Amino acid sequence: MPKCVYKEYTRLKKLFTNVDDSKRELVDELLRKASFLKVELDNLEKLIISHGSIEKSSKGNVRQSVYYRTYLSSLNVYQGIIKTLNSIMGKNIIDDDDEFDEFLRKANELSG
């Protein structure tokens, strides 16, 4: 596991320290997937900022870039995992504004 993914995994895992062991074992793979997706989304966001979310084809047609389409698809999966983790934990794990909230704000600015 790359260091940046492991760092995110550790951060998410800390949120589950007060959850019973059986639930913690159950969510471990989801935590790994969420960590990977978070890092990938951050990387895609940088690519979108530098290359834009729109690209022109050789025929002059305008469309969403591959980076942006991948970003949106990955974001949906990530949000689903976070929602699942949240429901397993039995309370809202994102109470205050955090990195994810900031991330969503930037995504909305890019698309809007």
N, C-alpha and C. Protein backbone atom coordinates (compact mmCIF):
# COMPACT_ATOMS: atom_id res chain seq x y z
N MET A 1 0.85 -1.17 0.00
CA MET A 1 0.00 0.00 0.00
C MET A 1 0.90 1.24 0.00
N PRO A 2 0.70 2.15 -0.96
CA PRO A 2 1.49 3.38 -1.00
C PRO A 2 1.32 4.20 0.28
N LYS A 3 2.34 4.97 0.60
CA LYS A 3 2.36 5.73 1.85
C LYS A 3 1.16 6.68 1.98
N CYS A 4 0.80 7.37 0.90
CA CYS A 4 -0.32 8.32 0.99
C CYS A 4 -1.65 7.59 1.21
N VAL A 5 -1.79 6.41 0.63
CA VAL A 5 -3.00 5.61 0.85
C VAL A 5 -3.02 5.10 2.28
N TYR A 6 -1.87 4.65 2.76
CA TYR A 6 -1.78 4.15 4.13
C TYR A 6 -2.11 5.25 5.14
N LYS A 7 -1.64 6.46 4.87
CA LYS A 7 -1.92 7.59 5.76
C LYS A 7 -3.42 7.84 5.86
N GLU A 8 -4.11 7.81 4.72
CA GLU A 8 -5.56 8.00 4.71
C GLU A 8 -6.27 6.83 5.38
N TYR A 9 -5.79 5.63 5.14
CA TYR A 9 -6.34 4.42 5.76
C TYR A 9 -6.24 4.53 7.28
N THR A 10 -5.10 4.95 7.77
CA THR A 10 -4.89 5.11 9.21
C THR A 10 -5.85 6.16 9.77
N ARG A 11 -6.01 7.25 9.05
CA ARG A 11 -6.92 8.31 9.50
C ARG A 11 -8.36 7.78 9.60
N LEU A 12 -8.80 7.07 8.58
CA LEU A 12 -10.16 6.53 8.60
C LEU A 12 -10.32 5.45 9.67
N LYS A 13 -9.30 4.64 9.82
CA LYS A 13 -9.38 3.54 10.80
C LYS A 13 -9.53 4.07 12.22
N LYS A 14 -8.91 5.22 12.49
CA LYS A 14 -9.03 5.83 13.83
C LYS A 14 -10.47 6.18 14.16
N LEU A 15 -11.26 6.45 13.14
CA LEU A 15 -12.67 6.78 13.37
C LEU A 15 -13.44 5.58 13.91
N PHE A 16 -12.89 4.38 13.73
CA PHE A 16 -13.57 3.16 14.13
C PHE A 16 -12.98 2.53 15.39
N THR A 17 -12.21 3.28 16.15
CA THR A 17 -11.60 2.72 17.36
C THR A 17 -12.62 2.35 18.42
N ASN A 18 -13.75 3.03 18.46
CA ASN A 18 -14.78 2.74 19.47
C ASN A 18 -15.85 1.77 18.98
N VAL A 19 -15.65 1.22 17.80
CA VAL A 19 -16.61 0.27 17.23
C VAL A 19 -16.17 -1.14 17.62
N ASP A 20 -17.15 -2.02 17.87
CA ASP A 20 -16.78 -3.38 18.31
C ASP A 20 -15.97 -4.11 17.22
N ASP A 21 -15.20 -5.10 17.66
CA ASP A 21 -14.23 -5.79 16.81
C ASP A 21 -14.86 -6.41 15.56
N SER A 22 -16.03 -7.00 15.71
CA SER A 22 -16.65 -7.66 14.56
C SER A 22 -16.98 -6.65 13.46
N LYS A 23 -17.45 -5.48 13.82
CA LYS A 23 -17.73 -4.43 12.83
C LYS A 23 -16.43 -3.89 12.25
N ARG A 24 -15.42 -3.76 13.08
CA ARG A 24 -14.13 -3.24 12.61
C ARG A 24 -13.54 -4.17 11.56
N GLU A 25 -13.63 -5.48 11.79
CA GLU A 25 -13.14 -6.44 10.80
C GLU A 25 -13.95 -6.35 9.51
N LEU A 26 -15.24 -6.15 9.66
CA LEU A 26 -16.13 -6.07 8.52
C LEU A 26 -15.81 -4.89 7.61
N VAL A 27 -15.43 -3.77 8.18
CA VAL A 27 -15.22 -2.56 7.39
C VAL A 27 -13.78 -2.37 6.92
N ASP A 28 -12.89 -3.21 7.32
CA ASP A 28 -11.48 -3.00 6.99
C ASP A 28 -11.25 -2.87 5.48
N GLU A 29 -11.85 -3.75 4.70
CA GLU A 29 -11.66 -3.68 3.24
C GLU A 29 -12.29 -2.42 2.67
N LEU A 30 -13.44 -2.01 3.21
CA LEU A 30 -14.04 -0.75 2.77
C LEU A 30 -13.15 0.44 3.09
N LEU A 31 -12.50 0.40 4.25
CA LEU A 31 -11.58 1.47 4.62
C LEU A 31 -10.41 1.53 3.64
N ARG A 32 -9.91 0.37 3.24
CA ARG A 32 -8.81 0.33 2.26
C ARG A 32 -9.25 0.91 0.92
N LYS A 33 -10.44 0.53 0.48
CA LYS A 33 -10.96 1.03 -0.80
C LYS A 33 -11.21 2.54 -0.74
N ALA A 34 -11.79 2.99 0.36
CA ALA A 34 -12.05 4.42 0.51
C ALA A 34 -10.74 5.21 0.53
N SER A 35 -9.73 4.67 1.18
CA SER A 35 -8.43 5.34 1.24
C SER A 35 -7.82 5.46 -0.14
N PHE A 36 -7.86 4.38 -0.88
CA PHE A 36 -7.32 4.38 -2.25
C PHE A 36 -8.08 5.39 -3.11
N LEU A 37 -9.40 5.36 -3.04
CA LEU A 37 -10.21 6.27 -3.84
C LEU A 37 -9.96 7.72 -3.48
N LYS A 38 -9.80 8.01 -2.21
CA LYS A 38 -9.55 9.39 -1.77
C LYS A 38 -8.26 9.92 -2.39
N VAL A 39 -7.22 9.10 -2.37
CA VAL A 39 -5.94 9.50 -2.94
C VAL A 39 -6.07 9.67 -4.46
N GLU A 40 -6.76 8.74 -5.10
CA GLU A 40 -6.96 8.83 -6.55
C GLU A 40 -7.79 10.06 -6.91
N LEU A 41 -8.80 10.35 -6.13
CA LEU A 41 -9.61 11.54 -6.39
C LEU A 41 -8.79 12.82 -6.24
N ASP A 42 -7.93 12.86 -5.25
CA ASP A 42 -7.04 14.01 -5.08
C ASP A 42 -6.13 14.18 -6.30
N ASN A 43 -5.59 13.06 -6.78
CA ASN A 43 -4.71 13.10 -7.96
C ASN A 43 -5.49 13.54 -9.21
N LEU A 44 -6.68 13.00 -9.38
CA LEU A 44 -7.52 13.39 -10.51
C LEU A 44 -7.89 14.87 -10.44
N GLU A 45 -8.15 15.33 -9.25
CA GLU A 45 -8.49 16.75 -9.08
C GLU A 45 -7.34 17.64 -9.56
N LYS A 46 -6.13 17.27 -9.23
CA LYS A 46 -4.96 18.04 -9.69
C LYS A 46 -4.86 18.03 -11.22
N LEU A 47 -5.12 16.86 -11.82
CA LEU A 47 -5.09 16.76 -13.28
C LEU A 47 -6.18 17.61 -13.93
N ILE A 48 -7.36 17.62 -13.32
CA ILE A 48 -8.46 18.42 -13.85
C ILE A 48 -8.13 19.90 -13.74
N ILE A 49 -7.54 20.29 -12.64
CA ILE A 49 -7.16 21.70 -12.47
C ILE A 49 -6.13 22.11 -13.52
N SER A 50 -5.16 21.24 -13.80
CA SER A 50 -4.12 21.61 -14.76
C SER A 50 -4.54 21.42 -16.22
N HIS A 51 -5.41 20.45 -16.52
CA HIS A 51 -5.79 20.17 -17.91
C HIS A 51 -7.22 20.60 -18.24
N GLY A 52 -8.01 20.89 -17.25
CA GLY A 52 -9.40 21.27 -17.47
C GLY A 52 -10.33 20.08 -17.49
N SER A 53 -11.61 20.35 -17.39
CA SER A 53 -12.61 19.28 -17.36
C SER A 53 -13.24 19.06 -18.73
N ILE A 54 -12.91 19.91 -19.68
CA ILE A 54 -13.44 19.82 -21.04
C ILE A 54 -12.28 19.62 -22.00
N GLU A 55 -12.50 18.77 -23.00
CA GLU A 55 -11.48 18.57 -24.03
C GLU A 55 -12.15 18.65 -25.41
N LYS A 56 -11.34 19.00 -26.40
CA LYS A 56 -11.83 19.06 -27.78
C LYS A 56 -11.29 17.86 -28.53
N SER A 57 -12.16 17.26 -29.33
CA SER A 57 -11.71 16.15 -30.17
C SER A 57 -11.03 16.72 -31.41
N SER A 58 -10.42 15.83 -32.19
CA SER A 58 -9.76 16.27 -33.42
C SER A 58 -10.75 16.86 -34.42
N LYS A 59 -12.03 16.50 -34.28
CA LYS A 59 -13.08 17.03 -35.17
C LYS A 59 -13.70 18.31 -34.62
N GLY A 60 -13.21 18.78 -33.48
CA GLY A 60 -13.70 20.03 -32.91
C GLY A 60 -14.85 19.88 -31.94
N ASN A 61 -15.26 18.65 -31.67
CA ASN A 61 -16.34 18.43 -30.70
C ASN A 61 -15.82 18.64 -29.28
N VAL A 62 -16.68 19.14 -28.42
CA VAL A 62 -16.32 19.39 -27.03
C VAL A 62 -16.99 18.33 -26.17
N ARG A 63 -16.23 17.81 -25.21
CA ARG A 63 -16.76 16.79 -24.31
C ARG A 63 -16.02 16.85 -22.98
N GLN A 64 -16.57 16.13 -21.99
CA GLN A 64 -15.89 16.05 -20.70
C GLN A 64 -14.61 15.25 -20.88
N SER A 65 -13.58 15.68 -20.18
CA SER A 65 -12.31 14.97 -20.28
C SER A 65 -12.41 13.61 -19.59
N VAL A 66 -11.51 12.73 -19.97
CA VAL A 66 -11.44 11.41 -19.35
C VAL A 66 -11.17 11.57 -17.86
N TYR A 67 -10.32 12.51 -17.49
CA TYR A 67 -10.01 12.75 -16.08
C TYR A 67 -11.28 13.11 -15.31
N TYR A 68 -12.09 13.99 -15.92
CA TYR A 68 -13.30 14.45 -15.24
C TYR A 68 -14.34 13.34 -15.13
N ARG A 69 -14.53 12.58 -16.20
CA ARG A 69 -15.48 11.46 -16.16
C ARG A 69 -15.05 10.43 -15.12
N THR A 70 -13.76 10.13 -15.08
CA THR A 70 -13.25 9.18 -14.09
C THR A 70 -13.44 9.74 -12.68
N TYR A 71 -13.18 11.02 -12.53
CA TYR A 71 -13.35 11.70 -11.25
C TYR A 71 -14.79 11.57 -10.75
N LEU A 72 -15.74 11.89 -11.61
CA LEU A 72 -17.15 11.84 -11.21
C LEU A 72 -17.58 10.42 -10.86
N SER A 73 -17.14 9.46 -11.65
CA SER A 73 -17.48 8.06 -11.38
C SER A 73 -16.87 7.60 -10.06
N SER A 74 -15.61 7.92 -9.86
CA SER A 74 -14.92 7.53 -8.63
C SER A 74 -15.51 8.23 -7.41
N LEU A 75 -15.92 9.47 -7.60
CA LEU A 75 -16.52 10.23 -6.51
C LEU A 75 -17.81 9.57 -6.05
N ASN A 76 -18.61 9.10 -6.99
CA ASN A 76 -19.85 8.40 -6.63
C ASN A 76 -19.57 7.14 -5.83
N VAL A 77 -18.59 6.38 -6.24
CA VAL A 77 -18.22 5.15 -5.52
C VAL A 77 -17.72 5.51 -4.12
N TYR A 78 -16.86 6.52 -4.05
CA TYR A 78 -16.30 6.96 -2.76
C TYR A 78 -17.41 7.40 -1.81
N GLN A 79 -18.33 8.19 -2.32
CA GLN A 79 -19.44 8.65 -1.48
C GLN A 79 -20.27 7.48 -0.98
N GLY A 80 -20.48 6.48 -1.82
CA GLY A 80 -21.22 5.29 -1.41
C GLY A 80 -20.52 4.53 -0.31
N ILE A 81 -19.20 4.41 -0.43
CA ILE A 81 -18.43 3.72 0.61
C ILE A 81 -18.49 4.49 1.92
N ILE A 82 -18.33 5.80 1.84
CA ILE A 82 -18.39 6.62 3.06
C ILE A 82 -19.77 6.52 3.70
N LYS A 83 -20.80 6.53 2.89
CA LYS A 83 -22.16 6.39 3.42
C LYS A 83 -22.34 5.04 4.11
N THR A 84 -21.82 3.98 3.49
CA THR A 84 -21.89 2.64 4.09
C THR A 84 -21.12 2.58 5.39
N LEU A 85 -19.92 3.13 5.40
CA LEU A 85 -19.11 3.16 6.63
C LEU A 85 -19.84 3.93 7.72
N ASN A 86 -20.43 5.03 7.33
CA ASN A 86 -21.16 5.86 8.27
C ASN A 86 -22.32 5.09 8.90
N SER A 87 -23.05 4.35 8.09
CA SER A 87 -24.19 3.60 8.62
C SER A 87 -23.74 2.43 9.48
N ILE A 88 -22.62 1.81 9.15
CA ILE A 88 -22.09 0.72 9.98
C ILE A 88 -21.67 1.26 11.33
N MET A 89 -21.08 2.41 11.32
CA MET A 89 -20.62 3.00 12.57
C MET A 89 -21.80 3.44 13.43
N GLY A 90 -22.91 3.73 12.78
CA GLY A 90 -24.11 4.07 13.54
C GLY A 90 -24.21 5.51 13.97
N LYS A 91 -23.34 6.34 13.44
CA LYS A 91 -23.44 7.77 13.70
C LYS A 91 -22.75 8.50 12.57
N ASN A 92 -22.90 9.79 12.53
CA ASN A 92 -22.31 10.58 11.47
C ASN A 92 -20.82 10.75 11.72
N ILE A 93 -19.99 10.23 10.81
CA ILE A 93 -18.54 10.35 10.99
C ILE A 93 -18.01 11.66 10.44
N ILE A 94 -18.85 12.40 9.74
CA ILE A 94 -18.40 13.66 9.18
C ILE A 94 -19.28 14.75 9.78
N ASP A 95 -18.97 15.15 11.01
CA ASP A 95 -19.78 16.13 11.71
C ASP A 95 -19.44 17.55 11.29
N ASP A 96 -18.17 17.91 11.38
CA ASP A 96 -17.71 19.25 11.05
C ASP A 96 -17.13 19.23 9.64
N ASP A 97 -16.90 20.43 9.10
CA ASP A 97 -16.23 20.50 7.82
C ASP A 97 -14.85 19.85 7.95
N ASP A 98 -14.52 19.03 7.01
CA ASP A 98 -13.22 18.37 7.00
C ASP A 98 -12.71 18.37 5.57
N GLU A 99 -11.67 17.59 5.31
CA GLU A 99 -11.08 17.53 3.99
C GLU A 99 -12.10 17.08 2.94
N PHE A 100 -12.98 16.17 3.30
CA PHE A 100 -13.97 15.69 2.35
C PHE A 100 -14.94 16.79 1.97
N ASP A 101 -15.38 17.58 2.94
CA ASP A 101 -16.28 18.69 2.64
C ASP A 101 -15.60 19.70 1.71
N GLU A 102 -14.35 19.98 1.99
CA GLU A 102 -13.57 20.88 1.14
C GLU A 102 -13.46 20.31 -0.27
N PHE A 103 -13.22 19.03 -0.34
CA PHE A 103 -13.11 18.32 -1.61
C PHE A 103 -14.41 18.44 -2.40
N LEU A 104 -15.55 18.23 -1.76
CA LEU A 104 -16.84 18.34 -2.43
C LEU A 104 -17.11 19.76 -2.91
N ARG A 105 -16.71 20.75 -2.11
CA ARG A 105 -16.88 22.14 -2.52
C ARG A 105 -16.10 22.42 -3.81
N LYS A 106 -14.85 21.93 -3.85
CA LYS A 106 -14.03 22.13 -5.06
C LYS A 106 -14.65 21.42 -6.26
N ALA A 107 -15.17 20.22 -6.05
CA ALA A 107 -15.79 19.46 -7.14
C ALA A 107 -17.00 20.22 -7.68
N ASN A 108 -17.78 20.80 -6.79
CA ASN A 108 -18.96 21.55 -7.21
C ASN A 108 -18.56 22.82 -7.96
N GLU A 109 -17.47 23.45 -7.54
CA GLU A 109 -16.98 24.64 -8.23
C GLU A 109 -16.52 24.29 -9.64
N LEU A 110 -15.86 23.15 -9.78
CA LEU A 110 -15.38 22.73 -11.10
C LEU A 110 -16.52 22.39 -12.03
N SER A 111 -17.58 21.80 -11.51
CA SER A 111 -18.68 21.38 -12.37
C SER A 111 -19.71 22.49 -12.60
N GLY A 112 -19.70 23.49 -11.75
CA GLY A 112 -20.75 24.49 -11.83
C GLY A 112 -20.33 25.75 -12.41
